[in-house]
Amino acid sequence: MKRVIYAGSDFLTGDAIASALMRFSEALAEVGQAETIAIPALGENGEESRVEVLVGPASQIMAQDVETDPADLVVPEAVAALEARIRALTPHAVITDEWPEQSDWDGATTDVI
């Protein structure tokens, strides 16, 4: 489990969620954007809740290991959603085995005056 410390407050969340949150924060900072996102967390009563966090270039956020019972909060959908948002912010190459359509250019040149 991780304790995420942010803006003078903190909350508990799962290891994978905290890791994805940190990577998402970094991706947002790299493109100079900010977003508010809802993160699954454990409330003081031990029940799952949601924490809204504004992350972006100016975010000062950290996550530290803590021992709790339960040992971890696992919400695969939250991690998948964060990973998708990270991919959307990250440039990537498109590789295809299809050739582009050929033009009708015959190689002839025209004089330009």
PDB file of N, CA and C in Angstrom:
ATOM      1  N   MET A   1       0.857  -1.164   0.000  1.00  0.00           N
ATOM      2  CA  MET A   1       0.000   0.000   0.000  1.00  0.00           C
ATOM      3  C   MET A   1       0.903   1.227   0.000  1.00  0.00           C
ATOM      4  N   LYS A   2       0.402   2.313  -0.564  1.00  0.00           N
ATOM      5  CA  LYS A   2       1.158   3.566  -0.619  1.00  0.00           C
ATOM      6  C   LYS A   2       0.354   4.691   0.035  1.00  0.00           C
ATOM      7  N   ARG A   3       1.068   5.557   0.713  1.00  0.00           N
ATOM      8  CA  ARG A   3       0.499   6.803   1.198  1.00  0.00           C
ATOM      9  C   ARG A   3       0.921   7.874   0.199  1.00  0.00           C
ATOM     10  N   VAL A   4      -0.049   8.472  -0.464  1.00  0.00           N
ATOM     11  CA  VAL A   4       0.219   9.540  -1.418  1.00  0.00           C
ATOM     12  C   VAL A   4       0.071  10.854  -0.666  1.00  0.00           C
ATOM     13  N   ILE A   5       1.124  11.651  -0.711  1.00  0.00           N
ATOM     14  CA  ILE A   5       1.139  12.939  -0.018  1.00  0.00           C
ATOM     15  C   ILE A   5       1.083  14.027  -1.078  1.00  0.00           C
ATOM     16  N   TYR A   6       0.067  14.882  -0.939  1.00  0.00           N
ATOM     17  CA  TYR A   6      -0.193  15.872  -1.974  1.00  0.00           C
ATOM     18  C   TYR A   6      -0.933  17.062  -1.369  1.00  0.00           C
ATOM     19  N   ALA A   7      -0.450  18.256  -1.643  1.00  0.00           N
ATOM     20  CA  ALA A   7      -1.119  19.503  -1.254  1.00  0.00           C
ATOM     21  C   ALA A   7      -1.445  19.549   0.240  1.00  0.00           C
ATOM     22  N   GLY A   8      -0.511  19.134   1.084  1.00  0.00           N
ATOM     23  CA  GLY A   8      -0.703  19.212   2.525  1.00  0.00           C
ATOM     24  C   GLY A   8      -1.626  18.161   3.096  1.00  0.00           C
ATOM     25  N   SER A   9      -2.011  17.197   2.284  1.00  0.00           N
ATOM     26  CA  SER A   9      -2.897  16.129   2.746  1.00  0.00           C
ATOM     27  C   SER A   9      -2.330  14.801   2.252  1.00  0.00           C
ATOM     28  N   ASP A  10      -2.972  13.718   2.626  1.00  0.00           N
ATOM     29  CA  ASP A  10      -2.510  12.418   2.159  1.00  0.00           C
ATOM     30  C   ASP A  10      -3.680  11.445   2.089  1.00  0.00           C
ATOM     31  N   PHE A  11      -3.470  10.369   1.346  1.00  0.00           N
ATOM     32  CA  PHE A  11      -4.461   9.297   1.265  1.00  0.00           C
ATOM     33  C   PHE A  11      -3.747   7.992   0.965  1.00  0.00           C
ATOM     34  N   LEU A  12      -4.401   6.885   1.302  1.00  0.00           N
ATOM     35  CA  LEU A  12      -3.857   5.555   1.045  1.00  0.00           C
ATOM     36  C   LEU A  12      -4.455   4.989  -0.234  1.00  0.00           C
ATOM     37  N   THR A  13      -3.605   4.390  -1.045  1.00  0.00           N
ATOM     38  CA  THR A  13      -4.068   3.724  -2.255  1.00  0.00           C
ATOM     39  C   THR A  13      -3.146   2.555  -2.556  1.00  0.00           C
ATOM     40  N   GLY A  14      -3.525   1.754  -3.520  1.00  0.00           N
ATOM     41  CA  GLY A  14      -2.740   0.584  -3.886  1.00  0.00           C
ATOM     42  C   GLY A  14      -1.429   0.927  -4.562  1.00  0.00           C
ATOM     43  N   ASP A  15      -0.490  -0.011  -4.495  1.00  0.00           N
ATOM     44  CA  ASP A  15       0.830   0.201  -5.100  1.00  0.00           C
ATOM     45  C   ASP A  15       0.742   0.528  -6.595  1.00  0.00           C
ATOM     46  N   ALA A  16      -0.004  -0.293  -7.335  1.00  0.00           N
ATOM     47  CA  ALA A  16      -0.097  -0.094  -8.782  1.00  0.00           C
ATOM     48  C   ALA A  16      -0.810   1.214  -9.115  1.00  0.00           C
ATOM     49  N   ILE A  17      -1.822   1.564  -8.322  1.00  0.00           N
ATOM     50  CA  ILE A  17      -2.554   2.821  -8.549  1.00  0.00           C
ATOM     51  C   ILE A  17      -1.626   4.006  -8.309  1.00  0.00           C
ATOM     52  N   ALA A  18      -0.894   3.980  -7.211  1.00  0.00           N
ATOM     53  CA  ALA A  18       0.029   5.079  -6.895  1.00  0.00           C
ATOM     54  C   ALA A  18       1.101   5.206  -7.970  1.00  0.00           C
ATOM     55  N   SER A  19       1.624   4.086  -8.432  1.00  0.00           N
ATOM     56  CA  SER A  19       2.643   4.111  -9.476  1.00  0.00           C
ATOM     57  C   SER A  19       2.090   4.720 -10.761  1.00  0.00           C
ATOM     58  N   ALA A  20       0.880   4.319 -11.153  1.00  0.00           N
ATOM     59  CA  ALA A  20       0.255   4.868 -12.355  1.00  0.00           C
ATOM     60  C   ALA A  20      -0.030   6.361 -12.178  1.00  0.00           C
ATOM     61  N   LEU A  21      -0.449   6.768 -10.983  1.00  0.00           N
ATOM     62  CA  LEU A  21      -0.692   8.183 -10.705  1.00  0.00           C
ATOM     63  C   LEU A  21       0.592   8.998 -10.866  1.00  0.00           C
ATOM     64  N   MET A  22       1.694   8.478 -10.362  1.00  0.00           N
ATOM     65  CA  MET A  22       2.967   9.186 -10.484  1.00  0.00           C
ATOM     66  C   MET A  22       3.391   9.302 -11.954  1.00  0.00           C
ATOM     67  N   ARG A  23       3.239   8.224 -12.715  1.00  0.00           N
ATOM     68  CA  ARG A  23       3.602   8.266 -14.134  1.00  0.00           C
ATOM     69  C   ARG A  23       2.685   9.209 -14.909  1.00  0.00           C
ATOM     70  N   PHE A  24       1.387   9.238 -14.559  1.00  0.00           N
ATOM     71  CA  PHE A  24       0.448  10.139 -15.205  1.00  0.00           C
ATOM     72  C   PHE A  24       0.808  11.589 -14.897  1.00  0.00           C
ATOM     73  N   SER A  25       1.169  11.861 -13.659  1.00  0.00           N
ATOM     74  CA  SER A  25       1.589  13.214 -13.277  1.00  0.00           C
ATOM     75  C   SER A  25       2.801  13.647 -14.090  1.00  0.00           C
ATOM     76  N   GLU A  26       3.734  12.730 -14.255  1.00  0.00           N
ATOM     77  CA  GLU A  26       4.932  13.029 -15.040  1.00  0.00           C
ATOM     78  C   GLU A  26       4.583  13.290 -16.503  1.00  0.00           C
ATOM     79  N   ALA A  27       3.698  12.475 -17.073  1.00  0.00           N
ATOM     80  CA  ALA A  27       3.300  12.657 -18.474  1.00  0.00           C
ATOM     81  C   ALA A  27       2.599  14.000 -18.668  1.00  0.00           C
ATOM     82  N   LEU A  28       1.753  14.385 -17.727  1.00  0.00           N
ATOM     83  CA  LEU A  28       1.086  15.683 -17.815  1.00  0.00           C
ATOM     84  C   LEU A  28       2.097  16.824 -17.741  1.00  0.00           C
ATOM     85  N   ALA A  29       3.061  16.690 -16.852  1.00  0.00           N
ATOM     86  CA  ALA A  29       4.085  17.731 -16.709  1.00  0.00           C
ATOM     87  C   ALA A  29       4.886  17.880 -18.004  1.00  0.00           C
ATOM     88  N   GLU A  30       5.164  16.772 -18.674  1.00  0.00           N
ATOM     89  CA  GLU A  30       5.954  16.822 -19.904  1.00  0.00           C
ATOM     90  C   GLU A  30       5.240  17.568 -21.026  1.00  0.00           C
ATOM     91  N   VAL A  31       3.896  17.551 -21.019  1.00  0.00           N
ATOM     92  CA  VAL A  31       3.152  18.254 -22.071  1.00  0.00           C
ATOM     93  C   VAL A  31       2.552  19.567 -21.582  1.00  0.00           C
ATOM     94  N   GLY A  32       2.838  19.924 -20.324  1.00  0.00           N
ATOM     95  CA  GLY A  32       2.383  21.197 -19.784  1.00  0.00           C
ATOM     96  C   GLY A  32       0.885  21.286 -19.570  1.00  0.00           C
ATOM     97  N   GLN A  33       0.259  20.179 -19.191  1.00  0.00           N
ATOM     98  CA  GLN A  33      -1.182  20.150 -18.967  1.00  0.00           C
ATOM     99  C   GLN A  33      -1.484  19.756 -17.528  1.00  0.00           C
ATOM    100  N   ALA A  34      -2.720  19.998 -17.122  1.00  0.00           N
ATOM    101  CA  ALA A  34      -3.197  19.581 -15.802  1.00  0.00           C
ATOM    102  C   ALA A  34      -4.560  18.937 -15.963  1.00  0.00           C
ATOM    103  N   GLU A  35      -4.880  18.005 -15.081  1.00  0.00           N
ATOM    104  CA  GLU A  35      -6.184  17.339 -15.099  1.00  0.00           C
ATOM    105  C   GLU A  35      -6.586  16.988 -13.681  1.00  0.00           C
ATOM    106  N   THR A  36      -7.896  16.946 -13.460  1.00  0.00           N
ATOM    107  CA  THR A  36      -8.438  16.442 -12.202  1.00  0.00           C
ATOM    108  C   THR A  36      -8.886  15.018 -12.450  1.00  0.00           C
ATOM    109  N   ILE A  37      -8.428  14.114 -11.598  1.00  0.00           N
ATOM    110  CA  ILE A  37      -8.785  12.703 -11.751  1.00  0.00           C
ATOM    111  C   ILE A  37      -9.264  12.145 -10.420  1.00  0.00           C
ATOM    112  N   ALA A  38     -10.078  11.113 -10.486  1.00  0.00           N
ATOM    113  CA  ALA A  38     -10.558  10.418  -9.288  1.00  0.00           C
ATOM    114  C   ALA A  38      -9.714   9.159  -9.102  1.00  0.00           C
ATOM    115  N   ILE A  39      -9.174   9.006  -7.906  1.00  0.00           N
ATOM    116  CA  ILE A  39      -8.292   7.890  -7.581  1.00  0.00           C
ATOM    117  C   ILE A  39      -8.956   7.028  -6.497  1.00  0.00           C
ATOM    118  N   PRO A  40      -8.976   5.698  -6.669  1.00  0.00           N
ATOM    119  CA  PRO A  40      -9.474   4.845  -5.590  1.00  0.00           C
ATOM    120  C   PRO A  40      -8.545   4.951  -4.374  1.00  0.00           C
ATOM    121  N   ALA A  41      -9.136   5.040  -3.201  1.00  0.00           N
ATOM    122  CA  ALA A  41      -8.357   5.186  -1.971  1.00  0.00           C
ATOM    123  C   ALA A  41      -9.055   4.424  -0.858  1.00  0.00           C
ATOM    124  N   LEU A  42      -8.340   4.263   0.244  1.00  0.00           N
ATOM    125  CA  LEU A  42      -8.942   3.695   1.445  1.00  0.00           C
ATOM    126  C   LEU A  42      -9.232   4.837   2.402  1.00  0.00           C
ATOM    127  N   GLY A  43     -10.477   4.911   2.839  1.00  0.00           N
ATOM    128  CA  GLY A  43     -10.850   5.924   3.809  1.00  0.00           C
ATOM    129  C   GLY A  43     -10.370   5.549   5.197  1.00  0.00           C
ATOM    130  N   GLU A  44     -10.575   6.453   6.143  1.00  0.00           N
ATOM    131  CA  GLU A  44     -10.136   6.212   7.523  1.00  0.00           C
ATOM    132  C   GLU A  44     -10.831   5.010   8.147  1.00  0.00           C
ATOM    133  N   ASN A  45     -12.017   4.689   7.666  1.00  0.00           N
ATOM    134  CA  ASN A  45     -12.751   3.541   8.191  1.00  0.00           C
ATOM    135  C   ASN A  45     -12.351   2.238   7.498  1.00  0.00           C
ATOM    136  N   GLY A  46     -11.413   2.310   6.560  1.00  0.00           N
ATOM    137  CA  GLY A  46     -10.937   1.121   5.859  1.00  0.00           C
ATOM    138  C   GLY A  46     -11.752   0.753   4.639  1.00  0.00           C
ATOM    139  N   GLU A  47     -12.782   1.530   4.339  1.00  0.00           N
ATOM    140  CA  GLU A  47     -13.599   1.257   3.163  1.00  0.00           C
ATOM    141  C   GLU A  47     -13.053   2.002   1.954  1.00  0.00           C
ATOM    142  N   GLU A  48     -13.283   1.408   0.771  1.00  0.00           N
ATOM    143  CA  GLU A  48     -12.817   2.039  -0.463  1.00  0.00           C
ATOM    144  C   GLU A  48     -13.613   3.305  -0.726  1.00  0.00           C
ATOM    145  N   SER A  49     -12.905   4.345  -1.128  1.00  0.00           N
ATOM    146  CA  SER A  49     -13.524   5.621  -1.476  1.00  0.00           C
ATOM    147  C   SER A  49     -12.818   6.172  -2.707  1.00  0.00           C
ATOM    148  N   ARG A  50     -13.130   7.384  -3.068  1.00  0.00           N
ATOM    149  CA  ARG A  50     -12.484   8.059  -4.190  1.00  0.00           C
ATOM    150  C   ARG A  50     -11.923   9.385  -3.699  1.00  0.00           C
ATOM    151  N   VAL A  51     -10.754   9.728  -4.218  1.00  0.00           N
ATOM    152  CA  VAL A  51     -10.118  11.002  -3.917  1.00  0.00           C
ATOM    153  C   VAL A  51      -9.918  11.713  -5.244  1.00  0.00           C
ATOM    154  N   GLU A  52     -10.357  12.962  -5.341  1.00  0.00           N
ATOM    155  CA  GLU A  52     -10.113  13.745  -6.543  1.00  0.00           C
ATOM    156  C   GLU A  52      -8.812  14.513  -6.377  1.00  0.00           C
ATOM    157  N   VAL A  53      -7.960  14.406  -7.384  1.00  0.00           N
ATOM    158  CA  VAL A  53      -6.640  15.012  -7.334  1.00  0.00           C
ATOM    159  C   VAL A  53      -6.413  15.825  -8.612  1.00  0.00           C
ATOM    160  N   LEU A  54      -5.952  17.053  -8.454  1.00  0.00           N
ATOM    161  CA  LEU A  54      -5.556  17.876  -9.593  1.00  0.00           C
ATOM    162  C   LEU A  54      -4.057  17.688  -9.782  1.00  0.00           C
ATOM    163  N   VAL A  55      -3.663  17.116 -10.915  1.00  0.00           N
ATOM    164  CA  VAL A  55      -2.245  16.894 -11.180  1.00  0.00           C
ATOM    165  C   VAL A  55      -1.842  17.618 -12.447  1.00  0.00           C
ATOM    166  N   GLY A  56      -0.606  18.058 -12.475  1.00  0.00           N
ATOM    167  CA  GLY A  56      -0.082  18.760 -13.635  1.00  0.00           C
ATOM    168  C   GLY A  56       1.348  19.186 -13.405  1.00  0.00           C
ATOM    169  N   PRO A  57       1.826  20.133 -14.201  1.00  0.00           N
ATOM    170  CA  PRO A  57       3.221  20.542 -14.147  1.00  0.00           C
ATOM    171  C   PRO A  57       3.686  21.055 -12.787  1.00  0.00           C
ATOM    172  N   ALA A  58       2.808  21.671 -12.025  1.00  0.00           N
ATOM    173  CA  ALA A  58       3.213  22.238 -10.734  1.00  0.00           C
ATOM    174  C   ALA A  58       2.963  21.282  -9.562  1.00  0.00           C
ATOM    175  N   SER A  59       2.501  20.080  -9.846  1.00  0.00           N
ATOM    176  CA  SER A  59       2.186  19.137  -8.765  1.00  0.00           C
ATOM    177  C   SER A  59       3.432  18.722  -8.006  1.00  0.00           C
ATOM    178  N   GLN A  60       3.328  18.782  -6.710  1.00  0.00           N
ATOM    179  CA  GLN A  60       4.372  18.253  -5.837  1.00  0.00           C
ATOM    180  C   GLN A  60       3.725  17.087  -5.100  1.00  0.00           C
ATOM    181  N   ILE A  61       4.011  15.903  -5.590  1.00  0.00           N
ATOM    182  CA  ILE A  61       3.331  14.706  -5.133  1.00  0.00           C
ATOM    183  C   ILE A  61       4.361  13.635  -4.840  1.00  0.00           C
ATOM    184  N   MET A  62       4.119  12.856  -3.803  1.00  0.00           N
ATOM    185  CA  MET A  62       5.025  11.746  -3.509  1.00  0.00           C
ATOM    186  C   MET A  62       4.225  10.576  -2.979  1.00  0.00           C
ATOM    187  N   ALA A  63       4.792   9.389  -3.082  1.00  0.00           N
ATOM    188  CA  ALA A  63       4.154   8.177  -2.586  1.00  0.00           C
ATOM    189  C   ALA A  63       5.180   7.406  -1.769  1.00  0.00           C
ATOM    190  N   GLN A  64       4.764   6.973  -0.584  1.00  0.00           N
ATOM    191  CA  GLN A  64       5.671   6.205   0.259  1.00  0.00           C
ATOM    192  C   GLN A  64       4.994   4.913   0.705  1.00  0.00           C
ATOM    193  N   ASP A  65       5.811   3.880   0.869  1.00  0.00           N
ATOM    194  CA  ASP A  65       5.305   2.585   1.317  1.00  0.00           C
ATOM    195  C   ASP A  65       4.781   2.677   2.739  1.00  0.00           C
ATOM    196  N   VAL A  66       3.658   2.012   2.979  1.00  0.00           N
ATOM    197  CA  VAL A  66       3.129   1.868   4.334  1.00  0.00           C
ATOM    198  C   VAL A  66       2.598   0.449   4.487  1.00  0.00           C
ATOM    199  N   GLU A  67       2.652  -0.043   5.690  1.00  0.00           N
ATOM    200  CA  GLU A  67       2.083  -1.364   5.970  1.00  0.00           C
ATOM    201  C   GLU A  67       0.692  -1.163   6.539  1.00  0.00           C
ATOM    202  N   THR A  68      -0.273  -1.794   5.893  1.00  0.00           N
ATOM    203  CA  THR A  68      -1.663  -1.662   6.318  1.00  0.00           C
ATOM    204  C   THR A  68      -2.356  -3.017   6.243  1.00  0.00           C
ATOM    205  N   ASP A  69      -3.527  -3.046   6.774  1.00  0.00           N
ATOM    206  CA  ASP A  69      -4.393  -4.203   6.635  1.00  0.00           C
ATOM    207  C   ASP A  69      -5.693  -3.694   6.051  1.00  0.00           C
ATOM    208  N   PRO A  70      -6.047  -3.986   4.838  1.00  0.00           N
ATOM    209  CA  PRO A  70      -5.454  -4.977   3.943  1.00  0.00           C
ATOM    210  C   PRO A  70      -4.099  -4.521   3.400  1.00  0.00           C
ATOM    211  N   ALA A  71      -3.360  -5.476   2.855  1.00  0.00           N
ATOM    212  CA  ALA A  71      -1.997  -5.203   2.402  1.00  0.00           C
ATOM    213  C   ALA A  71      -1.954  -4.315   1.158  1.00  0.00           C
ATOM    214  N   ASP A  72      -3.005  -4.333   0.326  1.00  0.00           N
ATOM    215  CA  ASP A  72      -2.997  -3.531  -0.892  1.00  0.00           C
ATOM    216  C   ASP A  72      -4.432  -3.300  -1.359  1.00  0.00           C
ATOM    217  N   LEU A  73      -4.621  -2.241  -2.076  1.00  0.00           N
ATOM    218  CA  LEU A  73      -5.898  -1.924  -2.715  1.00  0.00           C
ATOM    219  C   LEU A  73      -5.690  -2.170  -4.201  1.00  0.00           C
ATOM    220  N   VAL A  74      -6.411  -3.129  -4.749  1.00  0.00           N
ATOM    221  CA  VAL A  74      -6.232  -3.516  -6.144  1.00  0.00           C
ATOM    222  C   VAL A  74      -7.497  -3.151  -6.921  1.00  0.00           C
ATOM    223  N   VAL A  75      -7.336  -2.218  -7.862  1.00  0.00           N
ATOM    224  CA  VAL A  75      -8.452  -1.795  -8.725  1.00  0.00           C
ATOM    225  C   VAL A  75      -7.906  -1.739 -10.157  1.00  0.00           C
ATOM    226  N   PRO A  76      -7.895  -2.884 -10.849  1.00  0.00           N
ATOM    227  CA  PRO A  76      -7.288  -2.942 -12.185  1.00  0.00           C
ATOM    228  C   PRO A  76      -7.864  -1.928 -13.167  1.00  0.00           C
ATOM    229  N   GLU A  77      -9.179  -1.639 -13.055  1.00  0.00           N
ATOM    230  CA  GLU A  77      -9.789  -0.687 -13.987  1.00  0.00           C
ATOM    231  C   GLU A  77      -9.185   0.712 -13.824  1.00  0.00           C
ATOM    232  N   ALA A  78      -8.869   1.094 -12.596  1.00  0.00           N
ATOM    233  CA  ALA A  78      -8.280   2.417 -12.339  1.00  0.00           C
ATOM    234  C   ALA A  78      -6.887   2.501 -12.947  1.00  0.00           C
ATOM    235  N   VAL A  79      -6.113   1.442 -12.774  1.00  0.00           N
ATOM    236  CA  VAL A  79      -4.757   1.419 -13.340  1.00  0.00           C
ATOM    237  C   VAL A  79      -4.836   1.451 -14.865  1.00  0.00           C
ATOM    238  N   ALA A  80      -5.749   0.669 -15.441  1.00  0.00           N
ATOM    239  CA  ALA A  80      -5.901   0.634 -16.903  1.00  0.00           C
ATOM    240  C   ALA A  80      -6.316   2.005 -17.437  1.00  0.00           C
ATOM    241  N   ALA A  81      -7.210   2.689 -16.728  1.00  0.00           N
ATOM    242  CA  ALA A  81      -7.652   4.019 -17.166  1.00  0.00           C
ATOM    243  C   ALA A  81      -6.497   5.020 -17.121  1.00  0.00           C
ATOM    244  N   LEU A  82      -5.697   4.972 -16.068  1.00  0.00           N
ATOM    245  CA  LEU A  82      -4.542   5.866 -15.982  1.00  0.00           C
ATOM    246  C   LEU A  82      -3.524   5.547 -17.067  1.00  0.00           C
ATOM    247  N   GLU A  83      -3.280   4.253 -17.304  1.00  0.00           N
ATOM    248  CA  GLU A  83      -2.329   3.856 -18.347  1.00  0.00           C
ATOM    249  C   GLU A  83      -2.803   4.337 -19.716  1.00  0.00           C
ATOM    250  N   ALA A  84      -4.105   4.276 -19.974  1.00  0.00           N
ATOM    251  CA  ALA A  84      -4.640   4.755 -21.252  1.00  0.00           C
ATOM    252  C   ALA A  84      -4.430   6.259 -21.386  1.00  0.00           C
ATOM    253  N   ARG A  85      -4.619   6.996 -20.300  1.00  0.00           N
ATOM    254  CA  ARG A  85      -4.411   8.442 -20.339  1.00  0.00           C
ATOM    255  C   ARG A  85      -2.930   8.768 -20.545  1.00  0.00           C
ATOM    256  N   ILE A  86      -2.050   7.968 -19.964  1.00  0.00           N
ATOM    257  CA  ILE A  86      -0.609   8.161 -20.162  1.00  0.00           C
ATOM    258  C   ILE A  86      -0.261   7.939 -21.636  1.00  0.00           C
ATOM    259  N   ARG A  87      -0.767   6.848 -22.209  1.00  0.00           N
ATOM    260  CA  ARG A  87      -0.494   6.555 -23.623  1.00  0.00           C
ATOM    261  C   ARG A  87      -1.003   7.668 -24.528  1.00  0.00           C
ATOM    262  N   ALA A  88      -2.156   8.254 -24.194  1.00  0.00           N
ATOM    263  CA  ALA A  88      -2.714   9.331 -25.009  1.00  0.00           C
ATOM    264  C   ALA A  88      -1.827  10.582 -24.982  1.00  0.00           C
ATOM    265  N   LEU A  89      -1.070  10.764 -23.914  1.00  0.00           N
ATOM    266  CA  LEU A  89      -0.192  11.925 -23.787  1.00  0.00           C
ATOM    267  C   LEU A  89       1.213  11.672 -24.326  1.00  0.00           C
ATOM    268  N   THR A  90       1.547  10.424 -24.563  1.00  0.00           N
ATOM    269  CA  THR A  90       2.904  10.041 -24.931  1.00  0.00           C
ATOM    270  C   THR A  90       3.010   9.824 -26.437  1.00  0.00           C
ATOM    271  N   PRO A  91       3.919  10.535 -27.107  1.00  0.00           N
ATOM    272  CA  PRO A  91       4.088  10.318 -28.548  1.00  0.00           C
ATOM    273  C   PRO A  91       4.542   8.885 -28.806  1.00  0.00           C
ATOM    274  N   HIS A  92       4.054   8.340 -29.906  1.00  0.00           N
ATOM    275  CA  HIS A  92       4.453   6.977 -30.251  1.00  0.00           C
ATOM    276  C   HIS A  92       4.476   6.824 -31.765  1.00  0.00           C
ATOM    277  N   ALA A  93       5.320   5.932 -32.229  1.00  0.00           N
ATOM    278  CA  ALA A  93       5.437   5.672 -33.658  1.00  0.00           C
ATOM    279  C   ALA A  93       4.352   4.700 -34.095  1.00  0.00           C
ATOM    280  N   VAL A  94       3.865   4.880 -35.308  1.00  0.00           N
ATOM    281  CA  VAL A  94       2.891   3.964 -35.881  1.00  0.00           C
ATOM    282  C   VAL A  94       3.633   3.127 -36.910  1.00  0.00           C
ATOM    283  N   ILE A  95       3.601   1.833 -36.727  1.00  0.00           N
ATOM    284  CA  ILE A  95       4.283   0.923 -37.637  1.00  0.00           C
ATOM    285  C   ILE A  95       3.208   0.116 -38.357  1.00  0.00           C
ATOM    286  N   THR A  96       3.328   0.089 -39.685  1.00  0.00           N
ATOM    287  CA  THR A  96       2.349  -0.644 -40.475  1.00  0.00           C
ATOM    288  C   THR A  96       3.067  -1.397 -41.578  1.00  0.00           C
ATOM    289  N   ASP A  97       2.454  -2.465 -42.025  1.00  0.00           N
ATOM    290  CA  ASP A  97       3.039  -3.215 -43.130  1.00  0.00           C
ATOM    291  C   ASP A  97       2.319  -2.899 -44.443  1.00  0.00           C
ATOM    292  N   GLU A  98       1.442  -1.889 -44.408  1.00  0.00           N
ATOM    293  CA  GLU A  98       0.720  -1.480 -45.609  1.00  0.00           C
ATOM    294  C   GLU A  98       1.471  -0.330 -46.292  1.00  0.00           C
ATOM    295  N   TRP A  99       1.560  -0.392 -47.598  1.00  0.00           N
ATOM    296  CA  TRP A  99       2.202   0.669 -48.363  1.00  0.00           C
ATOM    297  C   TRP A  99       1.190   1.754 -48.655  1.00  0.00           C
ATOM    298  N   PRO A 100       1.608   3.018 -48.619  1.00  0.00           N
ATOM    299  CA  PRO A 100       0.678   4.094 -48.969  1.00  0.00           C
ATOM    300  C   PRO A 100       0.326   4.030 -50.448  1.00  0.00           C
ATOM    301  N   GLU A 101      -0.818   4.621 -50.790  1.00  0.00           N
ATOM    302  CA  GLU A 101      -1.221   4.681 -52.187  1.00  0.00           C
ATOM    303  C   GLU A 101      -0.183   5.438 -52.986  1.00  0.00           C
ATOM    304  N   GLN A 102       0.090   4.957 -54.195  1.00  0.00           N
ATOM    305  CA  GLN A 102       1.059   5.610 -55.060  1.00  0.00           C
ATOM    306  C   GLN A 102       0.398   6.789 -55.769  1.00  0.00           C
ATOM    307  N   SER A 103       1.157   7.842 -55.954  1.00  0.00           N
ATOM    308  CA  SER A 103       0.620   9.019 -56.644  1.00  0.00           C
ATOM    309  C   SER A 103       0.688   8.809 -58.151  1.00  0.00           C
ATOM    310  N   ASP A 104       0.064   9.713 -58.871  1.00  0.00           N
ATOM    311  CA  ASP A 104       0.076   9.671 -60.333  1.00  0.00           C
ATOM    312  C   ASP A 104       1.268  10.421 -60.907  1.00  0.00           C
ATOM    313  N   TRP A 105       2.201  10.823 -60.085  1.00  0.00           N
ATOM    314  CA  TRP A 105       3.343  11.592 -60.539  1.00  0.00           C
ATOM    315  C   TRP A 105       4.157  10.766 -61.517  1.00  0.00           C
ATOM    316  N   ASP A 106       4.464  11.348 -62.669  1.00  0.00           N
ATOM    317  CA  ASP A 106       5.210  10.597 -63.685  1.00  0.00           C
ATOM    318  C   ASP A 106       6.688  10.950 -63.724  1.00  0.00           C
ATOM    319  N   GLY A 107       7.119  11.803 -62.815  1.00  0.00           N
ATOM    320  CA  GLY A 107       8.538  12.150 -62.782  1.00  0.00           C
ATOM    321  C   GLY A 107       8.881  13.333 -63.642  1.00  0.00           C
ATOM    322  N   ALA A 108       7.965  13.796 -64.467  1.00  0.00           N
ATOM    323  CA  ALA A 108       8.236  14.956 -65.317  1.00  0.00           C
ATOM    324  C   ALA A 108       8.291  16.228 -64.478  1.00  0.00           C
ATOM    325  N   THR A 109       9.116  17.156 -64.888  1.00  0.00           N
ATOM    326  CA  THR A 109       9.225  18.419 -64.172  1.00  0.00           C
ATOM    327  C   THR A 109       8.557  19.515 -64.986  1.00  0.00           C
ATOM    328  N   THR A 110       8.152  20.527 -64.282  1.00  0.00           N
ATOM    329  CA  THR A 110       7.593  21.687 -64.979  1.00  0.00           C
ATOM    330  C   THR A 110       8.463  22.888 -64.650  1.00  0.00           C
ATOM    331  N   ASP A 111       8.543  23.783 -65.575  1.00  0.00           N
ATOM    332  CA  ASP A 111       9.324  24.989 -65.346  1.00  0.00           C
ATOM    333  C   ASP A 111       8.556  25.936 -64.447  1.00  0.00           C
ATOM    334  N   VAL A 112       9.226  26.491 -63.495  1.00  0.00           N
ATOM    335  CA  VAL A 112       8.624  27.471 -62.598  1.00  0.00           C
ATOM    336  C   VAL A 112       9.336  28.782 -62.845  1.00  0.00           C
ATOM    337  N   ILE A 113       8.597  29.795 -63.167  1.00  0.00           N
ATOM    338  CA  ILE A 113       9.202  31.096 -63.447  1.00  0.00           C
ATOM    339  C   ILE A 113       8.922  32.037 -62.308  1.00  0.00           C
TER     340      ILE A 113
END
